[in-house]
């Protein structure tokens, strides 16, 4: 007779009795054991479920819209973790963003690269995917853009405000005590000094080099080639294809179908599962009657402008 010992539920005896050990066998597996005994076949536990989990037949979808900042980073990183936990075979990353803060863009890109070792990732550029939007797109294996998508704007910008003349007119001045000559660099009540300008230019040049090297590596281009069009200019999706910045021209639906094909799924039957932050209870109940998206967008833009003043940005600012 064949052995009925199963190391997965061993009680230490190494004999047939271990398959019936009361503390290590469920009623379902008990029935499995009895069936195996009846037909004199080896007992192999646990049983293999013949059907794929639901998420293995779907494509995950994450949307990145608006300026990239801390809230965007947190939401996207949580969504990427969900993609990995649910074992989606592929991810469609929809980007409609002019870019944003450098650090947040880098963290999203790094998370995409790690996930890309397990999951097929395709990025779809929408109306605009510029600067930081381009950067996070480099975390995808393939990129699809509409012919008229506004993209590019590869570069870094720091913008401060000089209100010195206005403050003089209203009779306002500031007394500053600082630990070093550059502690109040980009202060809004005075002009930049030449040494300060050089410090900021060095910072921008370093950040720019990081951007260019990432694009070159992701798109298999030389650094010199990337620098030939990475001067802050914007261009269309059609031009981006010619430059080697994207792989195909097409809509988001085209990108979804291609993503399904890449992982062996039927594009006609495969659904995409959008992972997004849950809406407040009142929004879910009342729907469009509580729509304040326009006001919220202006509020978010104002908050972004205030919070990022003086920071290096990978962002398209017309």
C-alpha atoms as a PDB file:
ATOM      1  CA  UNK A   1       0.000   0.000   0.000  1.00  0.00           C
ATOM      2  CA  UNK A   2       1.127   3.535  -0.688  1.00  0.00           C
ATOM      3  CA  UNK A   3       2.313   5.649   2.214  1.00  0.00           C
ATOM      4  CA  UNK A   4      -0.246   8.050   3.689  1.00  0.00           C
ATOM      5  CA  UNK A   5       2.244  10.145   5.564  1.00  0.00           C
ATOM      6  CA  UNK A   6       2.043  13.856   4.713  1.00  0.00           C
ATOM      7  CA  UNK A   7       4.899  16.045   5.989  1.00  0.00           C
ATOM      8  CA  UNK A   8       2.583  19.079   5.850  1.00  0.00           C
ATOM      9  CA  UNK A   9       0.501  17.704   8.752  1.00  0.00           C
ATOM     10  CA  UNK A  10       3.123  15.602  10.490  1.00  0.00           C
ATOM     11  CA  UNK A  11       2.591  14.737  14.165  1.00  0.00           C
ATOM     12  CA  UNK A  12       6.082  13.357  14.528  1.00  0.00           C
ATOM     13  CA  UNK A  13       5.212   9.649  14.098  1.00  0.00           C
ATOM     14  CA  UNK A  14       6.019   9.379  10.406  1.00  0.00           C
ATOM     15  CA  UNK A  15       3.220   6.827  10.067  1.00  0.00           C
ATOM     16  CA  UNK A  16      -0.204   6.705   8.461  1.00  0.00           C
ATOM     17  CA  UNK A  17      -1.841   7.817  11.690  1.00  0.00           C
ATOM     18  CA  UNK A  18      -0.411  11.321  11.272  1.00  0.00           C
ATOM     19  CA  UNK A  19      -2.947  12.073   8.544  1.00  0.00           C
ATOM     20  CA  UNK A  20      -5.710  11.636  11.085  1.00  0.00           C
ATOM     21  CA  UNK A  21      -4.116  13.734  13.804  1.00  0.00           C
ATOM     22  CA  UNK A  22      -7.055  15.634  15.302  1.00  0.00           C
ATOM     23  CA  UNK A  23      -5.156  18.834  15.850  1.00  0.00           C
ATOM     24  CA  UNK A  24      -3.850  19.165  12.290  1.00  0.00           C
ATOM     25  CA  UNK A  25      -6.662  18.156   9.975  1.00  0.00           C
ATOM     26  CA  UNK A  26      -9.830  19.991   8.959  1.00  0.00           C
ATOM     27  CA  UNK A  27     -13.165  18.277   8.212  1.00  0.00           C
ATOM     28  CA  UNK A  28     -12.612  18.945   4.469  1.00  0.00           C
ATOM     29  CA  UNK A  29      -9.166  17.345   4.536  1.00  0.00           C
ATOM     30  CA  UNK A  30     -10.533  14.474   6.686  1.00  0.00           C
ATOM     31  CA  UNK A  31     -12.960  13.679   3.886  1.00  0.00           C
ATOM     32  CA  UNK A  32     -10.060  13.945   1.436  1.00  0.00           C
ATOM     33  CA  UNK A  33      -8.131  11.398   3.514  1.00  0.00           C
ATOM     34  CA  UNK A  34     -11.051   8.976   3.633  1.00  0.00           C
ATOM     35  CA  UNK A  35     -11.457   9.205  -0.141  1.00  0.00           C
ATOM     36  CA  UNK A  36      -7.750   8.573  -0.630  1.00  0.00           C
ATOM     37  CA  UNK A  37      -7.896   5.533   1.655  1.00  0.00           C
ATOM     38  CA  UNK A  38     -10.846   4.084  -0.211  1.00  0.00           C
ATOM     39  CA  UNK A  39      -9.092   4.197  -3.568  1.00  0.00           C
ATOM     40  CA  UNK A  40      -5.605   3.334  -2.224  1.00  0.00           C
ATOM     41  CA  UNK A  41      -4.000   6.547  -3.403  1.00  0.00           C
ATOM     42  CA  UNK A  42      -1.482   8.737  -1.642  1.00  0.00           C
ATOM     43  CA  UNK A  43      -2.910  11.508   0.547  1.00  0.00           C
ATOM     44  CA  UNK A  44      -1.578  14.896  -0.557  1.00  0.00           C
ATOM     45  CA  UNK A  45      -2.628  17.831   1.601  1.00  0.00           C
ATOM     46  CA  UNK A  46      -3.698  20.533   1.197  1.00  0.00           C
ATOM     47  CA  UNK A  47      -5.993  20.240  -1.813  1.00  0.00           C
ATOM     48  CA  UNK A  48      -5.200  22.514  -4.751  1.00  0.00           C
ATOM     49  CA  UNK A  49      -7.944  24.992  -5.627  1.00  0.00           C
ATOM     50  CA  UNK A  50      -8.408  24.732  -9.419  1.00  0.00           C
ATOM     51  CA  UNK A  51      -9.678  28.287  -9.998  1.00  0.00           C
ATOM     52  CA  UNK A  52      -7.714  31.522 -10.228  1.00  0.00           C
ATOM     53  CA  UNK A  53      -8.483  34.194  -7.602  1.00  0.00           C
ATOM     54  CA  UNK A  54     -10.737  36.948  -8.960  1.00  0.00           C
ATOM     55  CA  UNK A  55      -7.980  39.560  -9.066  1.00  0.00           C
ATOM     56  CA  UNK A  56      -5.747  37.323 -11.191  1.00  0.00           C
ATOM     57  CA  UNK A  57      -8.218  37.818 -14.032  1.00  0.00           C
ATOM     58  CA  UNK A  58      -8.337  41.605 -13.739  1.00  0.00           C
ATOM     59  CA  UNK A  59      -6.049  44.550 -14.393  1.00  0.00           C
ATOM     60  CA  UNK A  60      -5.421  47.011 -11.588  1.00  0.00           C
ATOM     61  CA  UNK A  61      -5.825  50.677 -12.479  1.00  0.00           C
ATOM     62  CA  UNK A  62      -4.363  53.652 -10.610  1.00  0.00           C
ATOM     63  CA  UNK A  63      -5.017  57.233 -11.638  1.00  0.00           C
ATOM     64  CA  UNK A  64      -2.596  60.087 -10.935  1.00  0.00           C
ATOM     65  CA  UNK A  65      -4.206  63.473 -11.538  1.00  0.00           C
ATOM     66  CA  UNK A  66      -3.261  67.025 -10.665  1.00  0.00           C
ATOM     67  CA  UNK A  67      -0.097  68.235  -8.980  1.00  0.00           C
ATOM     68  CA  UNK A  68       2.048  65.536  -7.402  1.00  0.00           C
ATOM     69  CA  UNK A  69       2.624  66.213  -3.706  1.00  0.00           C
ATOM     70  CA  UNK A  70       2.438  64.443  -0.355  1.00  0.00           C
ATOM     71  CA  UNK A  71      -1.232  63.412  -0.562  1.00  0.00           C
ATOM     72  CA  UNK A  72      -0.750  61.974  -4.042  1.00  0.00           C
ATOM     73  CA  UNK A  73       2.301  60.034  -2.902  1.00  0.00           C
ATOM     74  CA  UNK A  74       0.496  58.494   0.080  1.00  0.00           C
ATOM     75  CA  UNK A  75      -2.527  57.491  -1.995  1.00  0.00           C
ATOM     76  CA  UNK A  76      -0.500  55.984  -4.827  1.00  0.00           C
ATOM     77  CA  UNK A  77       1.861  54.066  -2.526  1.00  0.00           C
ATOM     78  CA  UNK A  78      -1.112  52.557  -0.680  1.00  0.00           C
ATOM     79  CA  UNK A  79      -2.695  51.576  -3.995  1.00  0.00           C
ATOM     80  CA  UNK A  80       0.541  49.985  -5.220  1.00  0.00           C
ATOM     81  CA  UNK A  81       0.707  47.942  -2.020  1.00  0.00           C
ATOM     82  CA  UNK A  82      -2.835  46.728  -2.690  1.00  0.00           C
ATOM     83  CA  UNK A  83      -1.864  45.691  -6.219  1.00  0.00           C
ATOM     84  CA  UNK A  84       0.905  43.524  -4.798  1.00  0.00           C
ATOM     85  CA  UNK A  85      -1.187  42.056  -1.968  1.00  0.00           C
ATOM     86  CA  UNK A  86      -4.076  41.092  -4.243  1.00  0.00           C
ATOM     87  CA  UNK A  87      -1.650  39.674  -6.800  1.00  0.00           C
ATOM     88  CA  UNK A  88      -3.001  41.507  -9.823  1.00  0.00           C
ATOM     89  CA  UNK A  89      -1.078  40.346 -12.903  1.00  0.00           C
ATOM     90  CA  UNK A  90      -0.818  43.852 -14.373  1.00  0.00           C
ATOM     91  CA  UNK A  91      -1.271  47.537 -13.630  1.00  0.00           C
ATOM     92  CA  UNK A  92      -2.542  50.312 -15.873  1.00  0.00           C
ATOM     93  CA  UNK A  93      -1.171  53.616 -14.589  1.00  0.00           C
ATOM     94  CA  UNK A  94      -3.204  56.553 -15.892  1.00  0.00           C
ATOM     95  CA  UNK A  95      -1.292  59.844 -15.600  1.00  0.00           C
ATOM     96  CA  UNK A  96      -2.876  63.246 -16.089  1.00  0.00           C
ATOM     97  CA  UNK A  97      -0.506  65.522 -14.212  1.00  0.00           C
ATOM     98  CA  UNK A  98       1.779  68.517 -14.856  1.00  0.00           C
ATOM     99  CA  UNK A  99       4.226  67.138 -12.290  1.00  0.00           C
ATOM    100  CA  UNK A 100       5.016  68.322  -8.792  1.00  0.00           C
ATOM    101  CA  UNK A 101       7.503  67.950  -5.982  1.00  0.00           C
ATOM    102  CA  UNK A 102      10.783  66.136  -6.607  1.00  0.00           C
ATOM    103  CA  UNK A 103      10.853  63.868  -3.552  1.00  0.00           C
ATOM    104  CA  UNK A 104       7.263  62.674  -3.922  1.00  0.00           C
ATOM    105  CA  UNK A 105       7.796  61.921  -7.616  1.00  0.00           C
ATOM    106  CA  UNK A 106      10.939  59.944  -6.820  1.00  0.00           C
ATOM    107  CA  UNK A 107       9.191  57.864  -4.162  1.00  0.00           C
ATOM    108  CA  UNK A 108       6.341  56.944  -6.509  1.00  0.00           C
ATOM    109  CA  UNK A 109       8.841  56.045  -9.247  1.00  0.00           C
ATOM    110  CA  UNK A 110      10.867  53.843  -6.875  1.00  0.00           C
ATOM    111  CA  UNK A 111       7.740  52.012  -5.702  1.00  0.00           C
ATOM    112  CA  UNK A 112       6.707  51.402  -9.321  1.00  0.00           C
ATOM    113  CA  UNK A 113      10.122  49.960 -10.153  1.00  0.00           C
ATOM    114  CA  UNK A 114       9.913  47.539  -7.209  1.00  0.00           C
ATOM    115  CA  UNK A 115       6.395  46.465  -8.160  1.00  0.00           C
ATOM    116  CA  UNK A 116       7.479  46.075 -11.779  1.00  0.00           C
ATOM    117  CA  UNK A 117       9.616  43.112 -10.759  1.00  0.00           C
ATOM    118  CA  UNK A 118       6.395  41.183 -10.048  1.00  0.00           C
ATOM    119  CA  UNK A 119       3.691  42.941 -12.073  1.00  0.00           C
ATOM    120  CA  UNK A 120       3.496  44.131 -15.675  1.00  0.00           C
ATOM    121  CA  UNK A 121       3.036  47.935 -15.669  1.00  0.00           C
ATOM    122  CA  UNK A 122       1.810  50.067 -18.575  1.00  0.00           C
ATOM    123  CA  UNK A 123       1.447  53.851 -18.272  1.00  0.00           C
ATOM    124  CA  UNK A 124      -1.192  55.818 -20.184  1.00  0.00           C
ATOM    125  CA  UNK A 125      -0.558  59.553 -20.647  1.00  0.00           C
ATOM    126  CA  UNK A 126      -3.774  61.611 -20.700  1.00  0.00           C
ATOM    127  CA  UNK A 127      -4.258  65.291 -21.534  1.00  0.00           C
ATOM    128  CA  UNK A 128      -0.989  66.225 -19.865  1.00  0.00           C
ATOM    129  CA  UNK A 129       1.836  64.186 -18.444  1.00  0.00           C
ATOM    130  CA  UNK A 130       4.707  66.580 -18.037  1.00  0.00           C
ATOM    131  CA  UNK A 131       7.810  66.917 -15.887  1.00  0.00           C
ATOM    132  CA  UNK A 132       7.132  64.889 -12.704  1.00  0.00           C
ATOM    133  CA  UNK A 133       4.339  63.140 -14.607  1.00  0.00           C
ATOM    134  CA  UNK A 134       6.950  61.979 -17.104  1.00  0.00           C
ATOM    135  CA  UNK A 135       9.250  60.938 -14.256  1.00  0.00           C
ATOM    136  CA  UNK A 136       6.764  58.596 -12.582  1.00  0.00           C
ATOM    137  CA  UNK A 137       5.852  57.256 -16.019  1.00  0.00           C
ATOM    138  CA  UNK A 138       9.435  56.039 -16.293  1.00  0.00           C
ATOM    139  CA  UNK A 139       8.533  53.479 -13.622  1.00  0.00           C
ATOM    140  CA  UNK A 140       6.341  51.647 -16.159  1.00  0.00           C
ATOM    141  CA  UNK A 141       7.683  49.071 -18.586  1.00  0.00           C
ATOM    142  CA  UNK A 142       5.676  50.525 -21.468  1.00  0.00           C
ATOM    143  CA  UNK A 143       4.101  53.937 -22.129  1.00  0.00           C
ATOM    144  CA  UNK A 144       1.137  54.845 -24.330  1.00  0.00           C
ATOM    145  CA  UNK A 145       0.264  58.478 -25.121  1.00  0.00           C
ATOM    146  CA  UNK A 146      -2.438  60.194 -27.126  1.00  0.00           C
ATOM    147  CA  UNK A 147      -1.078  61.925 -30.234  1.00  0.00           C
ATOM    148  CA  UNK A 148      -2.028  65.290 -28.741  1.00  0.00           C
ATOM    149  CA  UNK A 149      -0.920  64.637 -25.156  1.00  0.00           C
ATOM    150  CA  UNK A 150       1.150  67.500 -23.728  1.00  0.00           C
ATOM    151  CA  UNK A 151       4.295  65.934 -22.318  1.00  0.00           C
ATOM    152  CA  UNK A 152       7.971  66.704 -21.869  1.00  0.00           C
ATOM    153  CA  UNK A 153       8.935  69.715 -19.720  1.00  0.00           C
ATOM    154  CA  UNK A 154      11.882  67.718 -18.414  1.00  0.00           C
ATOM    155  CA  UNK A 155      13.665  70.034 -16.042  1.00  0.00           C
ATOM    156  CA  UNK A 156      13.657  71.653 -12.608  1.00  0.00           C
ATOM    157  CA  UNK A 157      12.312  74.969 -11.395  1.00  0.00           C
ATOM    158  CA  UNK A 158      12.467  76.935  -8.165  1.00  0.00           C
ATOM    159  CA  UNK A 159      10.278  79.959  -7.836  1.00  0.00           C
ATOM    160  CA  UNK A 160      10.306  82.516  -5.057  1.00  0.00           C
ATOM    161  CA  UNK A 161       8.541  85.822  -4.607  1.00  0.00           C
ATOM    162  CA  UNK A 162      10.239  89.188  -4.118  1.00  0.00           C
ATOM    163  CA  UNK A 163       7.858  91.590  -2.378  1.00  0.00           C
ATOM    164  CA  UNK A 164      10.539  94.068  -1.324  1.00  0.00           C
ATOM    165  CA  UNK A 165       9.098  97.093  -3.181  1.00  0.00           C
ATOM    166  CA  UNK A 166       5.544  96.385  -2.055  1.00  0.00           C
ATOM    167  CA  UNK A 167       6.662  96.084   1.565  1.00  0.00           C
ATOM    168  CA  UNK A 168       8.526  99.393   1.297  1.00  0.00           C
ATOM    169  CA  UNK A 169       5.379 101.141   0.065  1.00  0.00           C
ATOM    170  CA  UNK A 170       3.325  99.955   3.019  1.00  0.00           C
ATOM    171  CA  UNK A 171       6.143 100.591   5.465  1.00  0.00           C
ATOM    172  CA  UNK A 172       6.785  97.011   6.506  1.00  0.00           C
ATOM    173  CA  UNK A 173      10.257  95.620   7.180  1.00  0.00           C
ATOM    174  CA  UNK A 174      11.659  92.524   8.901  1.00  0.00           C
ATOM    175  CA  UNK A 175      14.428  92.096  11.437  1.00  0.00           C
ATOM    176  CA  UNK A 176      16.197  88.777  10.840  1.00  0.00           C
ATOM    177  CA  UNK A 177      18.659  86.989  13.114  1.00  0.00           C
ATOM    178  CA  UNK A 178      20.178  83.893  11.516  1.00  0.00           C
ATOM    179  CA  UNK A 179      22.859  81.301  12.200  1.00  0.00           C
ATOM    180  CA  UNK A 180      24.443  81.578   8.770  1.00  0.00           C
ATOM    181  CA  UNK A 181      24.413  83.853   5.714  1.00  0.00           C
ATOM    182  CA  UNK A 182      22.179  81.525   3.673  1.00  0.00           C
ATOM    183  CA  UNK A 183      19.605  80.564   6.304  1.00  0.00           C
ATOM    184  CA  UNK A 184      16.956  82.880   4.798  1.00  0.00           C
ATOM    185  CA  UNK A 185      17.735  82.114   1.186  1.00  0.00           C
ATOM    186  CA  UNK A 186      14.750  82.991  -1.049  1.00  0.00           C
ATOM    187  CA  UNK A 187      13.316  85.328   1.590  1.00  0.00           C
ATOM    188  CA  UNK A 188      10.481  87.294  -0.005  1.00  0.00           C
ATOM    189  CA  UNK A 189      11.560  90.668   1.411  1.00  0.00           C
ATOM    190  CA  UNK A 190      14.864  91.017  -0.463  1.00  0.00           C
ATOM    191  CA  UNK A 191      16.743  90.185  -3.661  1.00  0.00           C
ATOM    192  CA  UNK A 192      18.883  87.079  -3.965  1.00  0.00           C
ATOM    193  CA  UNK A 193      22.623  87.611  -3.632  1.00  0.00           C
ATOM    194  CA  UNK A 194      25.001  86.192  -6.252  1.00  0.00           C
ATOM    195  CA  UNK A 195      26.302  83.432  -3.911  1.00  0.00           C
ATOM    196  CA  UNK A 196      22.705  82.444  -3.170  1.00  0.00           C
ATOM    197  CA  UNK A 197      21.903  82.250  -6.859  1.00  0.00           C
ATOM    198  CA  UNK A 198      24.882  79.922  -7.376  1.00  0.00           C
ATOM    199  CA  UNK A 199      23.816  77.680  -4.484  1.00  0.00           C
ATOM    200  CA  UNK A 200      20.325  77.309  -5.921  1.00  0.00           C
ATOM    201  CA  UNK A 201      21.660  76.756  -9.440  1.00  0.00           C
ATOM    202  CA  UNK A 202      23.889  73.918  -8.181  1.00  0.00           C
ATOM    203  CA  UNK A 203      20.890  72.378  -6.446  1.00  0.00           C
ATOM    204  CA  UNK A 204      18.821  72.580  -9.629  1.00  0.00           C
ATOM    205  CA  UNK A 205      21.632  71.131 -11.760  1.00  0.00           C
ATOM    206  CA  UNK A 206      21.954  68.114  -9.451  1.00  0.00           C
ATOM    207  CA  UNK A 207      18.204  67.463  -9.501  1.00  0.00           C
ATOM    208  CA  UNK A 208      18.153  67.908 -13.288  1.00  0.00           C
ATOM    209  CA  UNK A 209      20.930  65.345 -13.727  1.00  0.00           C
ATOM    210  CA  UNK A 210      18.956  62.817 -11.658  1.00  0.00           C
ATOM    211  CA  UNK A 211      15.926  63.366 -13.883  1.00  0.00           C
ATOM    212  CA  UNK A 212      17.878  62.994 -17.123  1.00  0.00           C
ATOM    213  CA  UNK A 213      19.685  59.844 -15.995  1.00  0.00           C
ATOM    214  CA  UNK A 214      16.409  58.208 -14.970  1.00  0.00           C
ATOM    215  CA  UNK A 215      14.821  58.944 -18.342  1.00  0.00           C
ATOM    216  CA  UNK A 216      17.907  57.696 -20.185  1.00  0.00           C
ATOM    217  CA  UNK A 217      17.970  54.433 -18.244  1.00  0.00           C
ATOM    218  CA  UNK A 218      14.231  53.780 -18.509  1.00  0.00           C
ATOM    219  CA  UNK A 219      13.985  54.545 -22.223  1.00  0.00           C
ATOM    220  CA  UNK A 220      17.364  53.035 -23.153  1.00  0.00           C
ATOM    221  CA  UNK A 221      18.678  56.328 -24.485  1.00  0.00           C
ATOM    222  CA  UNK A 222      22.002  58.057 -23.973  1.00  0.00           C
ATOM    223  CA  UNK A 223      22.201  60.935 -21.506  1.00  0.00           C
ATOM    224  CA  UNK A 224      23.337  63.223 -24.330  1.00  0.00           C
ATOM    225  CA  UNK A 225      20.305  62.233 -26.404  1.00  0.00           C
ATOM    226  CA  UNK A 226      17.921  62.987 -23.541  1.00  0.00           C
ATOM    227  CA  UNK A 227      19.564  66.350 -22.862  1.00  0.00           C
ATOM    228  CA  UNK A 228      18.946  67.343 -26.482  1.00  0.00           C
ATOM    229  CA  UNK A 229      15.218  67.654 -25.722  1.00  0.00           C
ATOM    230  CA  UNK A 230      15.287  67.939 -21.907  1.00  0.00           C
ATOM    231  CA  UNK A 231      15.531  71.713 -21.831  1.00  0.00           C
ATOM    232  CA  UNK A 232      12.106  72.392 -20.348  1.00  0.00           C
ATOM    233  CA  UNK A 233      10.251  72.365 -23.664  1.00  0.00           C
ATOM    234  CA  UNK A 234       6.892  70.624 -23.986  1.00  0.00           C
ATOM    235  CA  UNK A 235       5.903  68.505 -26.967  1.00  0.00           C
ATOM    236  CA  UNK A 236       3.042  66.313 -28.149  1.00  0.00           C
ATOM    237  CA  UNK A 237       2.612  62.587 -27.770  1.00  0.00           C
ATOM    238  CA  UNK A 238       3.416  62.242 -31.478  1.00  0.00           C
ATOM    239  CA  UNK A 239       6.731  64.033 -30.973  1.00  0.00           C
ATOM    240  CA  UNK A 240       7.400  61.998 -27.839  1.00  0.00           C
ATOM    241  CA  UNK A 241       7.085  58.801 -29.882  1.00  0.00           C
ATOM    242  CA  UNK A 242       9.611  60.093 -32.395  1.00  0.00           C
ATOM    243  CA  UNK A 243      11.989  60.989 -29.546  1.00  0.00           C
ATOM    244  CA  UNK A 244      11.669  57.544 -27.990  1.00  0.00           C
ATOM    245  CA  UNK A 245       9.950  58.805 -24.845  1.00  0.00           C
ATOM    246  CA  UNK A 246       6.837  56.637 -25.345  1.00  0.00           C
ATOM    247  CA  UNK A 247       6.230  53.258 -26.998  1.00  0.00           C
ATOM    248  CA  UNK A 248       2.885  53.680 -28.719  1.00  0.00           C
ATOM    249  CA  UNK A 249       0.194  56.200 -29.580  1.00  0.00           C
ATOM    250  CA  UNK A 250      -3.291  55.412 -28.392  1.00  0.00           C
ATOM    251  CA  UNK A 251      -6.099  55.989 -25.953  1.00  0.00           C
ATOM    252  CA  UNK A 252      -6.416  54.649 -22.439  1.00  0.00           C
ATOM    253  CA  UNK A 253      -8.611  51.883 -23.841  1.00  0.00           C
ATOM    254  CA  UNK A 254      -5.834  50.951 -26.256  1.00  0.00           C
ATOM    255  CA  UNK A 255      -3.431  50.849 -23.312  1.00  0.00           C
ATOM    256  CA  UNK A 256      -5.833  48.653 -21.318  1.00  0.00           C
ATOM    257  CA  UNK A 257      -6.174  46.154 -24.138  1.00  0.00           C
ATOM    258  CA  UNK A 258      -2.415  46.012 -24.635  1.00  0.00           C
ATOM    259  CA  UNK A 259      -1.888  45.488 -20.910  1.00  0.00           C
ATOM    260  CA  UNK A 260      -4.286  42.538 -20.948  1.00  0.00           C
ATOM    261  CA  UNK A 261      -2.523  40.990 -23.929  1.00  0.00           C
ATOM    262  CA  UNK A 262       0.876  41.337 -22.255  1.00  0.00           C
ATOM    263  CA  UNK A 263      -0.223  39.049 -19.407  1.00  0.00           C
ATOM    264  CA  UNK A 264      -2.162  36.575 -21.528  1.00  0.00           C
ATOM    265  CA  UNK A 265      -5.673  37.839 -20.739  1.00  0.00           C
ATOM    266  CA  UNK A 266      -8.504  38.336 -23.218  1.00  0.00           C
ATOM    267  CA  UNK A 267      -8.753  42.122 -23.783  1.00  0.00           C
ATOM    268  CA  UNK A 268     -12.446  41.781 -24.667  1.00  0.00           C
ATOM    269  CA  UNK A 269     -13.286  40.140 -21.346  1.00  0.00           C
ATOM    270  CA  UNK A 270     -10.716  41.582 -18.964  1.00  0.00           C
ATOM    271  CA  UNK A 271     -11.962  44.254 -16.583  1.00  0.00           C
ATOM    272  CA  UNK A 272      -9.885  46.945 -14.918  1.00  0.00           C
ATOM    273  CA  UNK A 273     -10.223  47.505 -11.183  1.00  0.00           C
ATOM    274  CA  UNK A 274      -9.619  51.138 -10.245  1.00  0.00           C
ATOM    275  CA  UNK A 275      -7.933  51.510  -6.866  1.00  0.00           C
ATOM    276  CA  UNK A 276      -8.829  54.851  -5.369  1.00  0.00           C
ATOM    277  CA  UNK A 277      -9.272  56.485  -2.012  1.00  0.00           C
ATOM    278  CA  UNK A 278     -12.776  55.890  -0.681  1.00  0.00           C
ATOM    279  CA  UNK A 279     -15.057  58.933  -0.839  1.00  0.00           C
ATOM    280  CA  UNK A 280     -16.641  60.463   2.283  1.00  0.00           C
ATOM    281  CA  UNK A 281     -19.971  58.956   3.304  1.00  0.00           C
ATOM    282  CA  UNK A 282     -22.040  62.015   2.276  1.00  0.00           C
ATOM    283  CA  UNK A 283     -20.446  62.062  -1.195  1.00  0.00           C
ATOM    284  CA  UNK A 284     -21.311  58.401  -1.698  1.00  0.00           C
ATOM    285  CA  UNK A 285     -24.898  58.889  -0.532  1.00  0.00           C
ATOM    286  CA  UNK A 286     -25.693  62.231  -2.189  1.00  0.00           C
ATOM    287  CA  UNK A 287     -23.488  61.802  -5.256  1.00  0.00           C
ATOM    288  CA  UNK A 288     -23.298  64.760  -7.632  1.00  0.00           C
ATOM    289  CA  UNK A 289     -25.596  66.901  -5.470  1.00  0.00           C
ATOM    290  CA  UNK A 290     -22.627  67.459  -3.177  1.00  0.00           C
ATOM    291  CA  UNK A 291     -20.129  68.035  -5.967  1.00  0.00           C
ATOM    292  CA  UNK A 292     -17.626  70.708  -4.988  1.00  0.00           C
ATOM    293  CA  UNK A 293     -14.820  69.416  -7.193  1.00  0.00           C
ATOM    294  CA  UNK A 294     -14.207  72.830  -8.790  1.00  0.00           C
ATOM    295  CA  UNK A 295     -13.805  74.569  -5.462  1.00  0.00           C
ATOM    296  CA  UNK A 296     -11.709  71.698  -4.162  1.00  0.00           C
ATOM    297  CA  UNK A 297      -9.382  71.900  -7.174  1.00  0.00           C
ATOM    298  CA  UNK A 298      -8.712  75.624  -6.618  1.00  0.00           C
ATOM    299  CA  UNK A 299      -8.221  75.007  -2.901  1.00  0.00           C
ATOM    300  CA  UNK A 300      -5.736  72.225  -3.581  1.00  0.00           C
ATOM    301  CA  UNK A 301      -3.842  74.377  -6.088  1.00  0.00           C
ATOM    302  CA  UNK A 302      -3.573  77.232  -3.602  1.00  0.00           C
ATOM    303  CA  UNK A 303      -2.348  74.900  -0.879  1.00  0.00           C
ATOM    304  CA  UNK A 304       0.197  73.429  -3.271  1.00  0.00           C
ATOM    305  CA  UNK A 305       1.529  76.846  -4.276  1.00  0.00           C
ATOM    306  CA  UNK A 306       1.927  77.920  -0.655  1.00  0.00           C
ATOM    307  CA  UNK A 307       3.481  74.675   0.569  1.00  0.00           C
ATOM    308  CA  UNK A 308       5.986  74.363  -2.295  1.00  0.00           C
ATOM    309  CA  UNK A 309       7.198  77.966  -2.466  1.00  0.00           C
ATOM    310  CA  UNK A 310      10.986  77.867  -2.670  1.00  0.00           C
ATOM    311  CA  UNK A 311      11.127  74.110  -3.332  1.00  0.00           C
ATOM    312  CA  UNK A 312      12.666  72.556  -6.451  1.00  0.00           C
ATOM    313  CA  UNK A 313       9.841  71.240  -8.616  1.00  0.00           C
ATOM    314  CA  UNK A 314       9.574  68.847 -11.536  1.00  0.00           C
ATOM    315  CA  UNK A 315       6.556  70.666 -12.863  1.00  0.00           C
ATOM    316  CA  UNK A 316       5.239  72.279 -16.023  1.00  0.00           C
ATOM    317  CA  UNK A 317       4.256  75.860 -15.189  1.00  0.00           C
ATOM    318  CA  UNK A 318       2.986  77.764 -18.248  1.00  0.00           C
END
